[in-house]
PDB file of N, CA and C in Angstrom:
ATOM      1  N   MET A   1     121.310  69.619 114.962  1.00  0.00           N
ATOM      2  CA  MET A   1     120.550  69.316 115.485  1.00  0.00           C
ATOM      3  C   MET A   1     119.099  69.450 115.125  1.00  0.00           C
ATOM      4  N   GLU A   2     118.643  68.865 114.411  1.00  0.00           N
ATOM      5  CA  GLU A   2     117.330  69.084 114.318  1.00  0.00           C
ATOM      6  C   GLU A   2     116.427  69.639 115.038  1.00  0.00           C
ATOM      7  N   SER A   3     115.415  70.380 114.976  1.00  0.00           N
ATOM      8  CA  SER A   3     114.014  71.122 116.051  1.00  0.00           C
ATOM      9  C   SER A   3     113.209  70.584 116.328  1.00  0.00           C
ATOM     10  N   VAL A   4     113.622  70.299 117.448  1.00  0.00           N
ATOM     11  CA  VAL A   4     111.556  69.296 117.770  1.00  0.00           C
ATOM     12  C   VAL A   4     110.761  69.700 118.644  1.00  0.00           C
ATOM     13  N   TYR A   5     109.650  69.584 118.010  1.00  0.00           N
ATOM     14  CA  TYR A   5     107.924  70.194 118.683  1.00  0.00           C
ATOM     15  C   TYR A   5     107.335  69.428 119.160  1.00  0.00           C
ATOM     16  N   THR A   6     107.384  70.012 120.524  1.00  0.00           N
ATOM     17  CA  THR A   6     105.962  69.382 121.220  1.00  0.00           C
ATOM     18  C   THR A   6     104.540  69.378 120.582  1.00  0.00           C
ATOM     19  N   ILE A   7     103.432  68.344 121.225  1.00  0.00           N
ATOM     20  CA  ILE A   7     102.274  69.153 120.460  1.00  0.00           C
ATOM     21  C   ILE A   7     101.846  70.334 120.732  1.00  0.00           C
ATOM     22  N   ALA A   8     101.827  70.728 121.518  1.00  0.00           N
ATOM     23  CA  ALA A   8     101.761  71.883 121.956  1.00  0.00           C
ATOM     24  C   ALA A   8     101.572  72.946 121.157  1.00  0.00           C
ATOM     25  N   GLU A   9     103.529  72.737 120.713  1.00  0.00           N
ATOM     26  CA  GLU A   9     103.782  74.033 119.687  1.00  0.00           C
ATOM     27  C   GLU A   9     103.558  73.603 118.036  1.00  0.00           C
ATOM     28  N   VAL A  10     102.948  72.535 117.994  1.00  0.00           N
ATOM     29  CA  VAL A  10     102.764  72.161 116.790  1.00  0.00           C
ATOM     30  C   VAL A  10     100.996  72.325 116.862  1.00  0.00           C
ATOM     31  N   ALA A  11      99.977  72.485 117.429  1.00  0.00           N
ATOM     32  CA  ALA A  11      98.514  72.929 117.891  1.00  0.00           C
ATOM     33  C   ALA A  11      99.468  73.889 117.556  1.00  0.00           C
ATOM     34  N   GLU A  12     100.278  75.055 118.021  1.00  0.00           N
ATOM     35  CA  GLU A  12     100.016  76.628 118.133  1.00  0.00           C
ATOM     36  C   GLU A  12     100.052  77.372 116.775  1.00  0.00           C
ATOM     37  N   ARG A  13     101.045  75.980 116.126  1.00  0.00           N
ATOM     38  CA  ARG A  13     101.711  76.480 114.950  1.00  0.00           C
ATOM     39  C   ARG A  13     101.363  77.064 113.929  1.00  0.00           C
ATOM     40  N   THR A  14     100.125  75.822 114.138  1.00  0.00           N
ATOM     41  CA  THR A  14      99.252  75.411 112.890  1.00  0.00           C
ATOM     42  C   THR A  14      97.993  74.984 112.861  1.00  0.00           C
ATOM     43  N   GLY A  15      97.170  76.088 114.542  1.00  0.00           N
ATOM     44  CA  GLY A  15      96.119  76.835 114.834  1.00  0.00           C
ATOM     45  C   GLY A  15      94.594  75.399 114.462  1.00  0.00           C
ATOM     46  N   LEU A  16      95.222  73.920 114.674  1.00  0.00           N
ATOM     47  CA  LEU A  16      94.770  72.535 114.800  1.00  0.00           C
ATOM     48  C   LEU A  16      95.261  72.440 116.707  1.00  0.00           C
ATOM     49  N   SER A  17      93.864  71.992 117.379  1.00  0.00           N
ATOM     50  CA  SER A  17      93.689  72.177 118.430  1.00  0.00           C
ATOM     51  C   SER A  17      94.680  70.312 119.086  1.00  0.00           C
ATOM     52  N   GLN A  18      95.726  70.548 119.838  1.00  0.00           N
ATOM     53  CA  GLN A  18      95.771  68.776 120.427  1.00  0.00           C
ATOM     54  C   GLN A  18      94.855  67.572 120.318  1.00  0.00           C
ATOM     55  N   ASP A  19      93.769  68.389 120.279  1.00  0.00           N
ATOM     56  CA  ASP A  19      92.848  67.003 120.657  1.00  0.00           C
ATOM     57  C   ASP A  19      91.918  66.656 118.897  1.00  0.00           C
ATOM     58  N   THR A  20      92.815  67.622 118.126  1.00  0.00           N
ATOM     59  CA  THR A  20      92.838  67.158 116.717  1.00  0.00           C
ATOM     60  C   THR A  20      93.553  66.692 115.758  1.00  0.00           C
ATOM     61  N   ILE A  21      94.828  67.213 116.491  1.00  0.00           N
ATOM     62  CA  ILE A  21      95.816  66.302 116.107  1.00  0.00           C
ATOM     63  C   ILE A  21      96.099  65.146 116.619  1.00  0.00           C
ATOM     64  N   ARG A  22      95.817  64.657 117.443  1.00  0.00           N
ATOM     65  CA  ARG A  22      95.835  63.355 118.166  1.00  0.00           C
ATOM     66  C   ARG A  22      94.748  62.422 117.224  1.00  0.00           C
ATOM     67  N   TYR A  23      93.257  63.307 116.715  1.00  0.00           N
ATOM     68  CA  TYR A  23      92.460  62.443 116.388  1.00  0.00           C
ATOM     69  C   TYR A  23      92.778  62.516 114.808  1.00  0.00           C
ATOM     70  N   TYR A  24      93.504  63.256 114.060  1.00  0.00           N
ATOM     71  CA  TYR A  24      93.557  63.311 113.567  1.00  0.00           C
ATOM     72  C   TYR A  24      94.746  61.493 113.028  1.00  0.00           C
ATOM     73  N   GLU A  25      95.511  61.854 114.326  1.00  0.00           N
ATOM     74  CA  GLU A  25      96.995  60.380 114.413  1.00  0.00           C
ATOM     75  C   GLU A  25      96.823  59.361 114.180  1.00  0.00           C
ATOM     76  N   LYS A  26      95.267  59.126 115.124  1.00  0.00           N
ATOM     77  CA  LYS A  26      94.578  57.588 115.395  1.00  0.00           C
ATOM     78  C   LYS A  26      93.632  56.871 114.335  1.00  0.00           C
ATOM     79  N   ILE A  27      92.771  58.348 113.315  1.00  0.00           N
ATOM     80  CA  ILE A  27      92.247  57.797 111.940  1.00  0.00           C
ATOM     81  C   ILE A  27      92.929  57.800 110.968  1.00  0.00           C
ATOM     82  N   LYS A  28      94.824  57.948 111.822  1.00  0.00           N
ATOM     83  CA  LYS A  28      95.984  57.932 110.059  1.00  0.00           C
ATOM     84  C   LYS A  28      95.876  59.189 109.104  1.00  0.00           C
ATOM     85  N   VAL A  29      95.130  60.036 109.258  1.00  0.00           N
ATOM     86  CA  VAL A  29      95.320  60.918 108.571  1.00  0.00           C
ATOM     87  C   VAL A  29      96.867  60.833 108.186  1.00  0.00           C
ATOM     88  N   LEU A  30      97.074  61.546 109.884  1.00  0.00           N
ATOM     89  CA  LEU A  30      98.719  61.903 109.663  1.00  0.00           C
ATOM     90  C   LEU A  30      99.305  60.323 110.295  1.00  0.00           C
ATOM     91  N   PRO A  31     100.053  60.090 109.756  1.00  0.00           N
ATOM     92  CA  PRO A  31     101.106  59.425 110.812  1.00  0.00           C
ATOM     93  C   PRO A  31     101.740  59.734 112.068  1.00  0.00           C
ATOM     94  N   PRO A  32     101.264  58.953 113.258  1.00  0.00           N
ATOM     95  CA  PRO A  32     101.883  59.265 114.441  1.00  0.00           C
ATOM     96  C   PRO A  32     103.827  59.840 114.715  1.00  0.00           C
ATOM     97  N   PRO A  33     104.272  60.821 114.761  1.00  0.00           N
ATOM     98  CA  PRO A  33     105.251  60.915 115.269  1.00  0.00           C
ATOM     99  C   PRO A  33     106.329  60.123 115.583  1.00  0.00           C
ATOM    100  N   GLY A  34     107.396  60.837 116.329  1.00  0.00           N
ATOM    101  CA  GLY A  34     108.124  60.605 116.380  1.00  0.00           C
ATOM    102  C   GLY A  34     107.765  60.342 118.341  1.00  0.00           C
ATOM    103  N   ARG A  35     108.533  59.220 119.779  1.00  0.00           N
ATOM    104  CA  ARG A  35     108.197  60.311 120.563  1.00  0.00           C
ATOM    105  C   ARG A  35     109.729  60.466 121.511  1.00  0.00           C
ATOM    106  N   SER A  36     109.258  61.265 122.362  1.00  0.00           N
ATOM    107  CA  SER A  36     110.317  62.081 123.211  1.00  0.00           C
ATOM    108  C   SER A  36     111.426  60.742 124.183  1.00  0.00           C
ATOM    109  N   GLY A  37     111.979  61.132 124.943  1.00  0.00           N
ATOM    110  CA  GLY A  37     112.867  60.382 125.628  1.00  0.00           C
ATOM    111  C   GLY A  37     111.775  60.362 126.581  1.00  0.00           C
ATOM    112  N   ASN A  38     111.351  60.849 127.193  1.00  0.00           N
ATOM    113  CA  ASN A  38     109.772  60.386 128.387  1.00  0.00           C
ATOM    114  C   ASN A  38     108.830  60.221 127.497  1.00  0.00           C
ATOM    115  N   GLY A  39     108.259  59.659 126.155  1.00  0.00           N
ATOM    116  CA  GLY A  39     107.139  58.883 125.500  1.00  0.00           C
ATOM    117  C   GLY A  39     106.356  60.087 124.984  1.00  0.00           C
ATOM    118  N   GLN A  40     106.234  62.078 125.241  1.00  0.00           N
ATOM    119  CA  GLN A  40     105.945  62.278 124.806  1.00  0.00           C
ATOM    120  C   GLN A  40     105.964  62.353 122.826  1.00  0.00           C
ATOM    121  N   ARG A  41     105.095  63.027 122.399  1.00  0.00           N
ATOM    122  CA  ARG A  41     105.068  63.221 121.073  1.00  0.00           C
ATOM    123  C   ARG A  41     105.819  64.587 120.785  1.00  0.00           C
ATOM    124  N   ALA A  42     106.687  63.780 120.109  1.00  0.00           N
ATOM    125  CA  ALA A  42     107.940  64.984 119.626  1.00  0.00           C
ATOM    126  C   ALA A  42     108.268  65.055 117.840  1.00  0.00           C
ATOM    127  N   TYR A  43     107.759  65.749 117.005  1.00  0.00           N
ATOM    128  CA  TYR A  43     107.618  66.367 115.996  1.00  0.00           C
ATOM    129  C   TYR A  43     108.633  66.780 115.128  1.00  0.00           C
ATOM    130  N   SER A  44     109.546  66.626 113.701  1.00  0.00           N
ATOM    131  CA  SER A  44     110.835  67.232 113.193  1.00  0.00           C
ATOM    132  C   SER A  44     109.918  68.228 112.680  1.00  0.00           C
ATOM    133  N   LYS A  45     110.519  68.340 112.309  1.00  0.00           N
ATOM    134  CA  LYS A  45     110.332  69.794 111.197  1.00  0.00           C
ATOM    135  C   LYS A  45     108.956  69.608 109.904  1.00  0.00           C
ATOM    136  N   PRO A  46     109.989  68.566 109.041  1.00  0.00           N
ATOM    137  CA  PRO A  46     108.833  67.014 108.113  1.00  0.00           C
ATOM    138  C   PRO A  46     107.344  67.417 108.685  1.00  0.00           C
ATOM    139  N   GLU A  47     107.009  67.268 109.581  1.00  0.00           N
ATOM    140  CA  GLU A  47     106.045  66.717 110.533  1.00  0.00           C
ATOM    141  C   GLU A  47     105.712  67.484 110.325  1.00  0.00           C
ATOM    142  N   LEU A  48     106.179  68.864 111.133  1.00  0.00           N
ATOM    143  CA  LEU A  48     104.747  69.609 111.372  1.00  0.00           C
ATOM    144  C   LEU A  48     105.065  70.497 110.553  1.00  0.00           C
ATOM    145  N   ASP A  49     105.192  70.305 109.190  1.00  0.00           N
ATOM    146  CA  ASP A  49     104.823  70.757 107.842  1.00  0.00           C
ATOM    147  C   ASP A  49     104.774  70.316 107.741  1.00  0.00           C
ATOM    148  N   ARG A  50     103.775  69.020 108.131  1.00  0.00           N
ATOM    149  CA  ARG A  50     102.826  67.915 107.240  1.00  0.00           C
ATOM    150  C   ARG A  50     101.627  68.298 107.862  1.00  0.00           C
ATOM    151  N   VAL A  51     101.511  68.871 109.031  1.00  0.00           N
ATOM    152  CA  VAL A  51     100.759  68.727 110.162  1.00  0.00           C
ATOM    153  C   VAL A  51      99.677  69.882 109.629  1.00  0.00           C
ATOM    154  N   HIS A  52     100.706  70.617 109.114  1.00  0.00           N
ATOM    155  CA  HIS A  52     100.210  72.531 108.780  1.00  0.00           C
ATOM    156  C   HIS A  52      99.378  72.487 107.960  1.00  0.00           C
ATOM    157  N   PHE A  53      99.745  71.512 106.370  1.00  0.00           N
ATOM    158  CA  PHE A  53      99.955  71.804 105.536  1.00  0.00           C
ATOM    159  C   PHE A  53      98.352  70.777 105.119  1.00  0.00           C
ATOM    160  N   VAL A  54      98.449  70.016 106.175  1.00  0.00           N
ATOM    161  CA  VAL A  54      96.800  68.620 106.567  1.00  0.00           C
ATOM    162  C   VAL A  54      96.174  70.005 106.708  1.00  0.00           C
ATOM    163  N   ALA A  55      95.807  70.652 108.044  1.00  0.00           N
ATOM    164  CA  ALA A  55      94.838  71.845 108.136  1.00  0.00           C
ATOM    165  C   ALA A  55      94.484  72.632 106.633  1.00  0.00           C
ATOM    166  N   ILE A  56      95.705  73.101 106.438  1.00  0.00           N
ATOM    167  CA  ILE A  56      95.256  73.899 106.040  1.00  0.00           C
ATOM    168  C   ILE A  56      94.330  73.451 104.212  1.00  0.00           C
ATOM    169  N   LEU A  57      94.639  72.590 104.191  1.00  0.00           N
ATOM    170  CA  LEU A  57      93.396  71.704 103.098  1.00  0.00           C
ATOM    171  C   LEU A  57      91.762  71.737 104.427  1.00  0.00           C
ATOM    172  N   LYS A  58      92.164  71.244 105.299  1.00  0.00           N
ATOM    173  CA  LYS A  58      91.285  71.161 106.100  1.00  0.00           C
ATOM    174  C   LYS A  58      90.266  72.532 105.640  1.00  0.00           C
ATOM    175  N   ARG A  59      90.951  73.464 106.200  1.00  0.00           N
ATOM    176  CA  ARG A  59      90.824  74.804 105.747  1.00  0.00           C
ATOM    177  C   ARG A  59      89.661  74.918 104.761  1.00  0.00           C
ATOM    178  N   THR A  60      90.336  74.370 103.523  1.00  0.00           N
ATOM    179  CA  THR A  60      89.653  74.399 102.335  1.00  0.00           C
ATOM    180  C   THR A  60      88.827  73.458 102.210  1.00  0.00           C
ATOM    181  N   HIS A  61      87.976  72.929 103.841  1.00  0.00           N
ATOM    182  CA  HIS A  61      87.009  71.607 103.490  1.00  0.00           C
ATOM    183  C   HIS A  61      86.832  70.633 102.830  1.00  0.00           C
ATOM    184  N   MET A  62      87.857  70.212 102.458  1.00  0.00           N
ATOM    185  CA  MET A  62      88.982  68.850 102.336  1.00  0.00           C
ATOM    186  C   MET A  62      88.213  67.424 102.871  1.00  0.00           C
ATOM    187  N   PRO A  63      87.482  66.731 102.328  1.00  0.00           N
ATOM    188  CA  PRO A  63      87.351  65.774 103.059  1.00  0.00           C
ATOM    189  C   PRO A  63      88.629  64.946 104.042  1.00  0.00           C
ATOM    190  N   LEU A  64      88.112  64.658 105.284  1.00  0.00           N
ATOM    191  CA  LEU A  64      89.566  63.869 105.327  1.00  0.00           C
ATOM    192  C   LEU A  64      89.749  62.716 105.293  1.00  0.00           C
ATOM    193  N   ARG A  65      88.792  62.380 104.398  1.00  0.00           N
ATOM    194  CA  ARG A  65      88.745  60.845 103.438  1.00  0.00           C
ATOM    195  C   ARG A  65      89.998  61.592 102.505  1.00  0.00           C
ATOM    196  N   SER A  66      89.821  62.837 101.426  1.00  0.00           N
ATOM    197  CA  SER A  66      90.437  62.653 100.533  1.00  0.00           C
ATOM    198  C   SER A  66      92.468  63.324 101.337  1.00  0.00           C
ATOM    199  N   ILE A  67      92.244  63.904 102.315  1.00  0.00           N
ATOM    200  CA  ILE A  67      93.361  64.572 102.658  1.00  0.00           C
ATOM    201  C   ILE A  67      94.419  62.880 103.549  1.00  0.00           C
ATOM    202  N   GLN A  68      93.545  62.570 103.526  1.00  0.00           N
ATOM    203  CA  GLN A  68      94.176  60.945 104.248  1.00  0.00           C
ATOM    204  C   GLN A  68      94.475  60.261 102.905  1.00  0.00           C
ATOM    205  N   ASP A  69      93.672  60.194 101.994  1.00  0.00           N
ATOM    206  CA  ASP A  69      94.875  60.049 100.340  1.00  0.00           C
ATOM    207  C   ASP A  69      95.147  59.900 100.200  1.00  0.00           C
ATOM    208  N   TYR A  70      95.672  61.785 100.238  1.00  0.00           N
ATOM    209  CA  TYR A  70      96.911  62.664  99.948  1.00  0.00           C
ATOM    210  C   TYR A  70      98.002  62.487 100.513  1.00  0.00           C
ATOM    211  N   ILE A  71      97.618  62.126 102.277  1.00  0.00           N
ATOM    212  CA  ILE A  71      99.005  61.428 103.232  1.00  0.00           C
ATOM    213  C   ILE A  71      99.842  60.178 102.563  1.00  0.00           C
ATOM    214  N   GLN A  72      98.709  59.232 102.196  1.00  0.00           N
ATOM    215  CA  GLN A  72      99.251  58.060 102.088  1.00  0.00           C
ATOM    216  C   GLN A  72     100.276  58.168 100.784  1.00  0.00           C
ATOM    217  N   ALA A  73      99.692  58.841  99.777  1.00  0.00           N
ATOM    218  CA  ALA A  73      99.826  58.855  98.181  1.00  0.00           C
ATOM    219  C   ALA A  73     101.267  59.430  98.707  1.00  0.00           C
ATOM    220  N   SER A  74     101.413  60.671  99.439  1.00  0.00           N
ATOM    221  CA  SER A  74     102.942  61.163  99.964  1.00  0.00           C
ATOM    222  C   SER A  74     103.504  60.378 100.273  1.00  0.00           C
ATOM    223  N   SER A  75     103.776  59.457 101.397  1.00  0.00           N
ATOM    224  CA  SER A  75     104.411  58.668 101.881  1.00  0.00           C
ATOM    225  C   SER A  75     104.719  57.771 101.310  1.00  0.00           C
ATOM    226  N   ALA A  76     103.911  57.440 100.328  1.00  0.00           N
ATOM    227  CA  ALA A  76     104.304  56.296  99.021  1.00  0.00           C
ATOM    228  C   ALA A  76     105.475  56.800  98.250  1.00  0.00           C
ATOM    229  N   ALA A  77     105.420  58.002  97.973  1.00  0.00           N
ATOM    230  CA  ALA A  77     106.070  58.620  97.406  1.00  0.00           C
ATOM    231  C   ALA A  77     105.335  58.543  95.510  1.00  0.00           C
ATOM    232  N   ASP A  78     104.014  58.255  95.507  1.00  0.00           N
ATOM    233  CA  ASP A  78     102.804  58.193  93.797  1.00  0.00           C
ATOM    234  C   ASP A  78     101.951  59.142  93.895  1.00  0.00           C
ATOM    235  N   TYR A  79     103.289  60.424  93.368  1.00  0.00           N
ATOM    236  CA  TYR A  79     103.469  61.980  92.796  1.00  0.00           C
ATOM    237  C   TYR A  79     102.031  61.719  92.112  1.00  0.00           C
ATOM    238  N   ASP A  80     101.214  60.701  90.855  1.00  0.00           N
ATOM    239  CA  ASP A  80     100.629  60.986  90.121  1.00  0.00           C
ATOM    240  C   ASP A  80      99.170  60.701  91.355  1.00  0.00           C
ATOM    241  N   GLN A  81      99.326  59.670  92.305  1.00  0.00           N
ATOM    242  CA  GLN A  81      97.823  60.268  92.965  1.00  0.00           C
ATOM    243  C   GLN A  81      97.930  61.753  93.746  1.00  0.00           C
ATOM    244  N   CYS A  82      99.111  61.622  94.472  1.00  0.00           N
ATOM    245  CA  CYS A  82      99.216  63.321  95.014  1.00  0.00           C
ATOM    246  C   CYS A  82      98.322  64.476  93.886  1.00  0.00           C
ATOM    247  N   TYR A  83      99.008  64.469  92.626  1.00  0.00           N
ATOM    248  CA  TYR A  83      98.297  65.142  91.959  1.00  0.00           C
ATOM    249  C   TYR A  83      97.493  65.320  91.647  1.00  0.00           C
ATOM    250  N   SER A  84      97.261  63.505  91.600  1.00  0.00           N
ATOM    251  CA  SER A  84      95.059  63.823  91.271  1.00  0.00           C
ATOM    252  C   SER A  84      94.320  64.260  92.327  1.00  0.00           C
ATOM    253  N   VAL A  85      94.519  63.894  93.720  1.00  0.00           N
ATOM    254  CA  VAL A  85      93.963  65.014  94.602  1.00  0.00           C
ATOM    255  C   VAL A  85      94.085  65.682  94.960  1.00  0.00           C
ATOM    256  N   LEU A  86      95.117  66.384  94.921  1.00  0.00           N
ATOM    257  CA  LEU A  86      95.281  68.086  94.767  1.00  0.00           C
ATOM    258  C   LEU A  86      94.645  68.028  93.324  1.00  0.00           C
ATOM    259  N   GLU A  87      94.556  68.171  92.870  1.00  0.00           N
ATOM    260  CA  GLU A  87      93.668  69.310  91.144  1.00  0.00           C
ATOM    261  C   GLU A  87      92.326  68.883  91.294  1.00  0.00           C
ATOM    262  N   GLU A  88      91.998  67.599  91.640  1.00  0.00           N
ATOM    263  CA  GLU A  88      90.470  67.224  92.013  1.00  0.00           C
ATOM    264  C   GLU A  88      89.666  68.748  93.132  1.00  0.00           C
ATOM    265  N   HIS A  89      90.896  68.863  94.080  1.00  0.00           N
ATOM    266  CA  HIS A  89      90.523  70.083  95.424  1.00  0.00           C
ATOM    267  C   HIS A  89      90.343  71.255  94.636  1.00  0.00           C
ATOM    268  N   GLN A  90      91.219  71.421  93.736  1.00  0.00           N
ATOM    269  CA  GLN A  90      91.920  72.526  93.625  1.00  0.00           C
ATOM    270  C   GLN A  90      90.331  73.199  92.982  1.00  0.00           C
ATOM    271  N   ARG A  91      89.949  72.032  91.887  1.00  0.00           N
ATOM    272  CA  ARG A  91      88.399  72.282  90.893  1.00  0.00           C
ATOM    273  C   ARG A  91      87.614  72.809  92.087  1.00  0.00           C
ATOM    274  N   LEU A  92      87.354  72.297  93.126  1.00  0.00           N
ATOM    275  CA  LEU A  92      86.776  72.464  93.705  1.00  0.00           C
ATOM    276  C   LEU A  92      86.240  73.627  94.245  1.00  0.00           C
ATOM    277  N   ILE A  93      87.762  74.341  94.896  1.00  0.00           N
ATOM    278  CA  ILE A  93      87.811  75.291  95.538  1.00  0.00           C
ATOM    279  C   ILE A  93      87.692  76.060  94.328  1.00  0.00           C
ATOM    280  N   GLU A  94      87.778  75.777  93.185  1.00  0.00           N
ATOM    281  CA  GLU A  94      88.036  76.676  91.664  1.00  0.00           C
ATOM    282  C   GLU A  94      85.889  77.515  91.960  1.00  0.00           C
ATOM    283  N   ASP A  95      85.083  76.479  92.005  1.00  0.00           N
ATOM    284  CA  ASP A  95      83.977  75.557  91.375  1.00  0.00           C
ATOM    285  C   ASP A  95      83.418  76.777  92.245  1.00  0.00           C
ATOM    286  N   GLN A  96      83.302  76.807  93.799  1.00  0.00           N
ATOM    287  CA  GLN A  96      83.282  76.972  94.977  1.00  0.00           C
ATOM    288  C   GLN A  96      83.509  78.343  94.781  1.00  0.00           C
ATOM    289  N   LEU A  97      85.005  78.849  94.440  1.00  0.00           N
ATOM    290  CA  LEU A  97      84.881  80.461  94.244  1.00  0.00           C
ATOM    291  C   LEU A  97      83.788  81.117  93.888  1.00  0.00           C
ATOM    292  N   ALA A  98      83.651  80.630  92.042  1.00  0.00           N
ATOM    293  CA  ALA A  98      82.789  81.050  90.991  1.00  0.00           C
ATOM    294  C   ALA A  98      81.590  81.865  92.072  1.00  0.00           C
ATOM    295  N   GLU A  99      80.621  80.589  92.392  1.00  0.00           N
ATOM    296  CA  GLU A  99      79.505  80.406  93.038  1.00  0.00           C
ATOM    297  C   GLU A  99      79.542  81.694  94.366  1.00  0.00           C
ATOM    298  N   LEU A 100      80.479  81.967  95.242  1.00  0.00           N
ATOM    299  CA  LEU A 100      80.585  82.550  96.283  1.00  0.00           C
ATOM    300  C   LEU A 100      80.980  84.772  95.324  1.00  0.00           C
ATOM    301  N   THR A 101      81.850  84.240  93.973  1.00  0.00           N
ATOM    302  CA  THR A 101      82.033  85.459  93.494  1.00  0.00           C
ATOM    303  C   THR A 101      80.502  85.762  92.853  1.00  0.00           C
ATOM    304  N   THR A 102      80.023  84.855  92.581  1.00  0.00           N
ATOM    305  CA  THR A 102      78.173  85.212  92.231  1.00  0.00           C
ATOM    306  C   THR A 102      77.853  85.660  93.152  1.00  0.00           C
ATOM    307  N   ALA A 103      77.584  85.355  94.532  1.00  0.00           N
ATOM    308  CA  ALA A 103      77.125  85.264  95.665  1.00  0.00           C
ATOM    309  C   ALA A 103      77.317  86.840  96.199  1.00  0.00           C
ATOM    310  N   LEU A 104      78.726  87.249  96.070  1.00  0.00           N
ATOM    311  CA  LEU A 104      78.854  88.489  96.931  1.00  0.00           C
ATOM    312  C   LEU A 104      78.521  90.302  95.919  1.00  0.00           C
ATOM    313  N   GLU A 105      78.659  89.664  94.328  1.00  0.00           N
ATOM    314  CA  GLU A 105      78.136  90.706  93.137  1.00  0.00           C
ATOM    315  C   GLU A 105      76.657  90.510  93.265  1.00  0.00           C
ATOM    316  N   LEU A 106      76.011  90.026  93.801  1.00  0.00           N
ATOM    317  CA  LEU A 106      74.447  90.140  94.095  1.00  0.00           C
ATOM    318  C   LEU A 106      74.253  90.673  95.262  1.00  0.00           C
ATOM    319  N   MET A 107      75.291  90.267  96.459  1.00  0.00           N
ATOM    320  CA  MET A 107      75.225  90.701  97.785  1.00  0.00           C
ATOM    321  C   MET A 107      75.820  92.972  97.867  1.00  0.00           C
ATOM    322  N   LYS A 108      76.513  92.629  96.120  1.00  0.00           N
ATOM    323  CA  LYS A 108      76.945  94.265  96.472  1.00  0.00           C
ATOM    324  C   LYS A 108      75.875  94.949  96.277  1.00  0.00           C
ATOM    325  N   TYR A 109      75.149  94.678  94.892  1.00  0.00           N
ATOM    326  CA  TYR A 109      74.128  94.823  94.621  1.00  0.00           C
ATOM    327  C   TYR A 109      73.365  95.454  94.871  1.00  0.00           C
ATOM    328  N   LYS A 110      72.568  94.542  95.833  1.00  0.00           N
ATOM    329  CA  LYS A 110      71.057  94.695  96.974  1.00  0.00           C
ATOM    330  C   LYS A 110      71.730  95.578  98.539  1.00  0.00           C
ATOM    331  N   LEU A 111      73.037  95.559  98.737  1.00  0.00           N
ATOM    332  CA  LEU A 111      73.261  96.767  99.937  1.00  0.00           C
ATOM    333  C   LEU A 111      73.334  98.009  98.892  1.00  0.00           C
ATOM    334  N   ASN A 112      73.929  98.017  98.257  1.00  0.00           N
ATOM    335  CA  ASN A 112      73.943  99.373  97.306  1.00  0.00           C
ATOM    336  C   ASN A 112      71.954 100.069  96.906  1.00  0.00           C
ATOM    337  N   ASN A 113      71.348  98.880  96.356  1.00  0.00           N
ATOM    338  CA  ASN A 113      70.340  99.261  96.638  1.00  0.00           C
ATOM    339  C   ASN A 113      69.476  99.189  97.688  1.00  0.00           C
ATOM    340  N   PHE A 114      69.537  99.182  98.764  1.00  0.00           N
ATOM    341  CA  PHE A 114      69.095  99.527 100.439  1.00  0.00           C
ATOM    342  C   PHE A 114      69.541 100.984 100.462  1.00  0.00           C
ATOM    343  N   GLN A 115      71.447 100.795 100.465  1.00  0.00           N
ATOM    344  CA  GLN A 115      71.659 101.925 100.847  1.00  0.00           C
ATOM    345  C   GLN A 115      71.084 103.283 100.058  1.00  0.00           C
ATOM    346  N   GLU A 116      70.778 103.286  98.421  1.00  0.00           N
ATOM    347  CA  GLU A 116      70.380 104.767  98.350  1.00  0.00           C
ATOM    348  C   GLU A 116      68.635 104.615  98.626  1.00  0.00           C
ATOM    349  N   LEU A 117      68.536 103.801  98.984  1.00  0.00           N
ATOM    350  CA  LEU A 117      66.774 103.205  99.456  1.00  0.00           C
ATOM    351  C   LEU A 117      66.962 104.565 101.172  1.00  0.00           C
ATOM    352  N   LYS A 118      67.705 104.346 102.400  1.00  0.00           N
ATOM    353  CA  LYS A 118      68.272 104.586 102.986  1.00  0.00           C
ATOM    354  C   LYS A 118      68.249 106.125 102.917  1.00  0.00           C
ATOM    355  N   ASP A 119      69.289 106.400 101.916  1.00  0.00           N
ATOM    356  CA  ASP A 119      69.010 107.582 101.520  1.00  0.00           C
ATOM    357  C   ASP A 119      68.056 108.436 101.033  1.00  0.00           C
ATOM    358  N   GLY A 120      67.335 108.297 100.939  1.00  0.00           N
ATOM    359  CA  GLY A 120      65.562 108.731 100.127  1.00  0.00           C
ATOM    360  C   GLY A 120      65.598 108.534  98.728  1.00  0.00           C
ATOM    361  N   LYS A 121      67.064 108.104  97.890  1.00  0.00           N
ATOM    362  CA  LYS A 121      66.754 107.918  96.579  1.00  0.00           C
ATOM    363  C   LYS A 121      65.720 106.233  96.293  1.00  0.00           C
ATOM    364  N   PHE A 122      64.963 107.226  95.934  1.00  0.00           N
ATOM    365  CA  PHE A 122      64.745 105.771  95.234  1.00  0.00           C
ATOM    366  C   PHE A 122      64.795 104.474  93.521  1.00  0.00           C
ATOM    367  N   LEU A 123      64.323 103.668  93.563  1.00  0.00           N
ATOM    368  CA  LEU A 123      65.424 103.078  92.703  1.00  0.00           C
ATOM    369  C   LEU A 123      64.110 102.903  91.572  1.00  0.00           C
ATOM    370  N   ASP A 124      64.225 102.817  90.439  1.00  0.00           N
ATOM    371  CA  ASP A 124      63.367 101.591  89.860  1.00  0.00           C
ATOM    372  C   ASP A 124      63.821 100.748  89.229  1.00  0.00           C
ATOM    373  N   LYS A 125      64.405 100.202  89.946  1.00  0.00           N
ATOM    374  CA  LYS A 125      65.492  99.015  89.317  1.00  0.00           C
ATOM    375  C   LYS A 125      64.561  97.208  89.575  1.00  0.00           C
TER     376      LYS A 125
END
């Protein structure tokens, strides 16, 4: 028998709040899950995996509209569109990573300078 997860379990495993999961279902970022005999949300393992992937995409600051486009394309088996959405977001992440790397290097340089000033070493930089 396939494992079934409650919304509380999905929230715990994905790091999303139950309210966020419900909201994503409401705005159709996530398709609605199945229901248990008592009417509560019942998530299958593939549905749990989908929510987890959405949580990862959101943590990379992918806009909800792009996540929605990806999920719709995935559900329709439109793999070209899935690839396109993820490829575009990968480019954005790589650009952000390059900017952050530059900022980090500058931060390290400044911290080193201030440490030397604190230690009484005066630099001509």
